[in-house]
Amino acid sequence: MQSGLLKGVLKFLKGKGMNILEQFNSVMKDKDITNVGAFLAGETDCIKGNAHKRGCHPDYDRGYGSRYALEQMLTARASR
C-alpha cells in the first residue's frame, strides 16, 4: 500500500515528460538532506520491501519516497 507521500510523488512524476534522471532530480532538488541516517534508513526500508514508517524524520520520507519513485520509473521504462 502506498502512503500519501508516495502517491503524490508518483502523480507529480506521471505528468512530467522527463527522462529518469530529470524525474529523480525533480524529487531531490527541493532542499538538502539534513539527516543522512534517516534518509538512508528510509531508502533501505524501501529496498528491503519494508512498509513505510509514519512519524519519522522528513528525510526518512524523502529516502523512502525517492527510492520508491526511482524503482517505479525504472520498472515503467523496462516494460516499454
N, C-alpha and C. Protein backbone atom coordinates (compact mmCIF):
# COMPACT_ATOMS: atom_id res chain seq x y z
N MET A 1 0.84 -1.19 0.00
CA MET A 1 0.00 0.00 0.00
C MET A 1 0.88 1.24 0.00
N GLN A 2 0.55 2.21 -0.83
CA GLN A 2 1.34 3.42 -0.96
C GLN A 2 0.88 4.47 0.04
N SER A 3 1.85 5.16 0.62
CA SER A 3 1.49 6.26 1.52
C SER A 3 1.09 7.48 0.69
N GLY A 4 0.53 8.47 1.33
CA GLY A 4 0.15 9.70 0.64
C GLY A 4 1.33 10.37 -0.02
N LEU A 5 2.49 10.33 0.64
CA LEU A 5 3.70 10.92 0.07
C LEU A 5 4.05 10.24 -1.25
N LEU A 6 4.05 8.93 -1.26
CA LEU A 6 4.42 8.19 -2.46
C LEU A 6 3.42 8.42 -3.58
N LYS A 7 2.15 8.43 -3.25
CA LYS A 7 1.13 8.70 -4.27
C LYS A 7 1.33 10.09 -4.88
N GLY A 8 1.64 11.05 -4.03
CA GLY A 8 1.87 12.41 -4.52
C GLY A 8 3.08 12.50 -5.44
N VAL A 9 4.15 11.82 -5.07
CA VAL A 9 5.36 11.82 -5.90
C VAL A 9 5.06 11.18 -7.25
N LEU A 10 4.40 10.03 -7.22
CA LEU A 10 4.11 9.34 -8.48
C LEU A 10 3.16 10.13 -9.36
N LYS A 11 2.16 10.78 -8.76
CA LYS A 11 1.23 11.60 -9.54
C LYS A 11 1.96 12.77 -10.18
N PHE A 12 2.84 13.39 -9.42
CA PHE A 12 3.63 14.50 -9.93
C PHE A 12 4.49 14.06 -11.12
N LEU A 13 5.18 12.93 -10.94
CA LEU A 13 6.10 12.46 -11.98
C LEU A 13 5.37 11.96 -13.22
N LYS A 14 4.20 11.40 -13.04
CA LYS A 14 3.45 10.87 -14.17
C LYS A 14 3.11 11.95 -15.18
N GLY A 15 2.87 13.16 -14.71
CA GLY A 15 2.51 14.25 -15.59
C GLY A 15 3.70 14.93 -16.26
N LYS A 16 4.91 14.51 -15.93
CA LYS A 16 6.10 15.13 -16.47
C LYS A 16 6.64 14.31 -17.64
N GLY A 17 7.06 15.00 -18.69
CA GLY A 17 7.68 14.32 -19.82
C GLY A 17 9.19 14.37 -19.71
N MET A 18 9.74 13.83 -18.65
CA MET A 18 11.17 13.90 -18.39
C MET A 18 11.81 12.52 -18.47
N ASN A 19 13.13 12.51 -18.64
CA ASN A 19 13.82 11.24 -18.55
C ASN A 19 13.99 10.86 -17.08
N ILE A 20 14.51 9.68 -16.83
CA ILE A 20 14.59 9.17 -15.46
C ILE A 20 15.44 10.08 -14.57
N LEU A 21 16.58 10.51 -15.04
CA LEU A 21 17.44 11.37 -14.23
C LEU A 21 16.75 12.69 -13.89
N GLU A 22 16.07 13.28 -14.86
CA GLU A 22 15.35 14.53 -14.60
C GLU A 22 14.23 14.31 -13.59
N GLN A 23 13.53 13.19 -13.70
CA GLN A 23 12.45 12.90 -12.76
C GLN A 23 13.00 12.73 -11.35
N PHE A 24 14.08 11.96 -11.21
CA PHE A 24 14.68 11.75 -9.89
C PHE A 24 15.18 13.06 -9.30
N ASN A 25 15.83 13.86 -10.12
CA ASN A 25 16.33 15.15 -9.64
C ASN A 25 15.20 16.07 -9.22
N SER A 26 14.05 15.99 -9.88
CA SER A 26 12.93 16.86 -9.51
C SER A 26 12.41 16.53 -8.11
N VAL A 27 12.54 15.27 -7.70
CA VAL A 27 12.13 14.88 -6.35
C VAL A 27 13.16 15.33 -5.33
N MET A 28 14.43 15.25 -5.68
CA MET A 28 15.50 15.51 -4.73
C MET A 28 15.92 16.97 -4.61
N LYS A 29 15.54 17.83 -5.53
CA LYS A 29 16.06 19.20 -5.53
C LYS A 29 15.37 20.15 -4.57
N ASP A 30 14.29 19.74 -3.94
CA ASP A 30 13.54 20.64 -3.08
C ASP A 30 14.39 21.29 -2.00
N LYS A 31 15.16 20.48 -1.30
CA LYS A 31 16.04 21.02 -0.27
C LYS A 31 17.09 19.97 0.07
N ASP A 32 18.13 20.41 0.76
CA ASP A 32 19.22 19.50 1.11
C ASP A 32 18.77 18.50 2.17
N ILE A 33 19.43 17.35 2.17
CA ILE A 33 19.19 16.34 3.20
C ILE A 33 19.91 16.81 4.46
N THR A 34 19.19 16.84 5.57
CA THR A 34 19.80 17.28 6.83
C THR A 34 20.13 16.11 7.74
N ASN A 35 19.46 14.99 7.56
CA ASN A 35 19.69 13.81 8.40
C ASN A 35 19.96 12.63 7.47
N VAL A 36 21.23 12.43 7.15
CA VAL A 36 21.61 11.40 6.20
C VAL A 36 21.22 10.01 6.70
N GLY A 37 21.36 9.78 7.99
CA GLY A 37 20.99 8.48 8.56
C GLY A 37 19.52 8.16 8.35
N ALA A 38 18.66 9.16 8.55
CA ALA A 38 17.22 8.95 8.34
C ALA A 38 16.92 8.71 6.87
N PHE A 39 17.58 9.47 5.99
CA PHE A 39 17.38 9.28 4.55
C PHE A 39 17.76 7.86 4.14
N LEU A 40 18.93 7.41 4.57
CA LEU A 40 19.39 6.07 4.22
C LEU A 40 18.52 4.98 4.84
N ALA A 41 18.00 5.23 6.04
CA ALA A 41 17.10 4.25 6.67
C ALA A 41 15.82 4.12 5.84
N GLY A 42 15.29 5.24 5.36
CA GLY A 42 14.09 5.18 4.52
C GLY A 42 14.36 4.48 3.21
N GLU A 43 15.49 4.79 2.60
CA GLU A 43 15.85 4.15 1.34
C GLU A 43 16.05 2.65 1.54
N THR A 44 16.72 2.27 2.62
CA THR A 44 16.96 0.86 2.91
C THR A 44 15.66 0.12 3.17
N ASP A 45 14.75 0.72 3.92
CA ASP A 45 13.45 0.09 4.16
C ASP A 45 12.72 -0.18 2.86
N CYS A 46 12.77 0.77 1.94
CA CYS A 46 12.11 0.60 0.65
C CYS A 46 12.76 -0.52 -0.14
N ILE A 47 14.08 -0.55 -0.18
CA ILE A 47 14.81 -1.59 -0.91
C ILE A 47 14.46 -2.97 -0.37
N LYS A 48 14.37 -3.09 0.95
CA LYS A 48 14.08 -4.37 1.58
C LYS A 48 12.61 -4.76 1.49
N GLY A 49 11.77 -3.82 1.03
CA GLY A 49 10.33 -4.09 0.94
C GLY A 49 9.57 -3.90 2.23
N ASN A 50 10.19 -3.22 3.21
CA ASN A 50 9.52 -2.93 4.47
C ASN A 50 8.49 -1.83 4.27
N ALA A 51 7.46 -1.86 5.06
CA ALA A 51 6.42 -0.83 4.99
C ALA A 51 6.99 0.52 5.41
N HIS A 52 6.46 1.59 4.82
CA HIS A 52 6.85 2.96 5.18
C HIS A 52 6.43 3.23 6.61
N LYS A 53 7.34 3.78 7.41
CA LYS A 53 7.06 4.09 8.81
C LYS A 53 6.58 5.53 8.92
N ARG A 54 5.46 5.72 9.55
CA ARG A 54 4.92 7.07 9.75
C ARG A 54 5.55 7.74 10.96
N GLY A 55 5.61 9.05 10.90
CA GLY A 55 6.08 9.82 12.04
C GLY A 55 7.59 9.91 12.17
N CYS A 56 8.30 9.49 11.16
CA CYS A 56 9.78 9.58 11.19
C CYS A 56 10.22 10.94 10.68
N HIS A 57 11.50 11.16 10.71
CA HIS A 57 12.10 12.40 10.22
C HIS A 57 11.71 12.61 8.74
N PRO A 58 11.51 13.84 8.31
CA PRO A 58 11.17 14.09 6.91
C PRO A 58 12.18 13.51 5.91
N ASP A 59 13.45 13.41 6.31
CA ASP A 59 14.44 12.83 5.41
C ASP A 59 14.23 11.32 5.24
N TYR A 60 13.65 10.66 6.24
CA TYR A 60 13.28 9.25 6.09
C TYR A 60 12.23 9.14 4.97
N ASP A 61 11.24 10.02 5.02
CA ASP A 61 10.20 10.04 3.99
C ASP A 61 10.80 10.28 2.61
N ARG A 62 11.74 11.20 2.53
CA ARG A 62 12.38 11.51 1.24
C ARG A 62 13.20 10.32 0.74
N GLY A 63 13.90 9.65 1.64
CA GLY A 63 14.68 8.48 1.24
C GLY A 63 13.81 7.36 0.74
N TYR A 64 12.74 7.11 1.47
CA TYR A 64 11.81 6.04 1.08
C TYR A 64 11.11 6.42 -0.24
N GLY A 65 10.62 7.64 -0.28
CA GLY A 65 9.88 8.09 -1.47
C GLY A 65 10.75 8.17 -2.71
N SER A 66 11.99 8.63 -2.57
CA SER A 66 12.85 8.74 -3.74
C SER A 66 13.25 7.37 -4.27
N ARG A 67 13.51 6.42 -3.39
CA ARG A 67 13.84 5.06 -3.84
C ARG A 67 12.63 4.42 -4.51
N TYR A 68 11.46 4.62 -3.91
CA TYR A 68 10.24 4.04 -4.49
C TYR A 68 9.98 4.64 -5.87
N ALA A 69 10.11 5.94 -5.97
CA ALA A 69 9.87 6.60 -7.26
C ALA A 69 10.88 6.14 -8.30
N LEU A 70 12.16 6.00 -7.91
CA LEU A 70 13.18 5.53 -8.83
C LEU A 70 12.86 4.13 -9.33
N GLU A 71 12.46 3.25 -8.42
CA GLU A 71 12.12 1.88 -8.83
C GLU A 71 10.92 1.86 -9.77
N GLN A 72 9.93 2.72 -9.51
CA GLN A 72 8.76 2.78 -10.39
C GLN A 72 9.14 3.29 -11.77
N MET A 73 10.01 4.30 -11.81
CA MET A 73 10.44 4.83 -13.12
C MET A 73 11.22 3.78 -13.90
N LEU A 74 12.10 3.06 -13.23
CA LEU A 74 12.88 2.04 -13.91
C LEU A 74 12.00 0.88 -14.39
N THR A 75 11.03 0.51 -13.59
CA THR A 75 10.11 -0.56 -13.97
C THR A 75 9.28 -0.13 -15.17
N ALA A 76 8.78 1.10 -15.16
CA ALA A 76 7.98 1.59 -16.28
C ALA A 76 8.81 1.64 -17.55
N ARG A 77 10.05 2.06 -17.43
CA ARG A 77 10.92 2.15 -18.59
C ARG A 77 11.24 0.77 -19.14
N ALA A 78 11.46 -0.20 -18.25
CA ALA A 78 11.80 -1.56 -18.68
C ALA A 78 10.63 -2.26 -19.36
N SER A 79 9.41 -1.85 -18.99
CA SER A 79 8.23 -2.51 -19.56
C SER A 79 7.82 -1.93 -20.90
N ARG A 80 8.53 -0.93 -21.39
CA ARG A 80 8.21 -0.33 -22.69
C ARG A 80 8.61 -1.25 -23.81
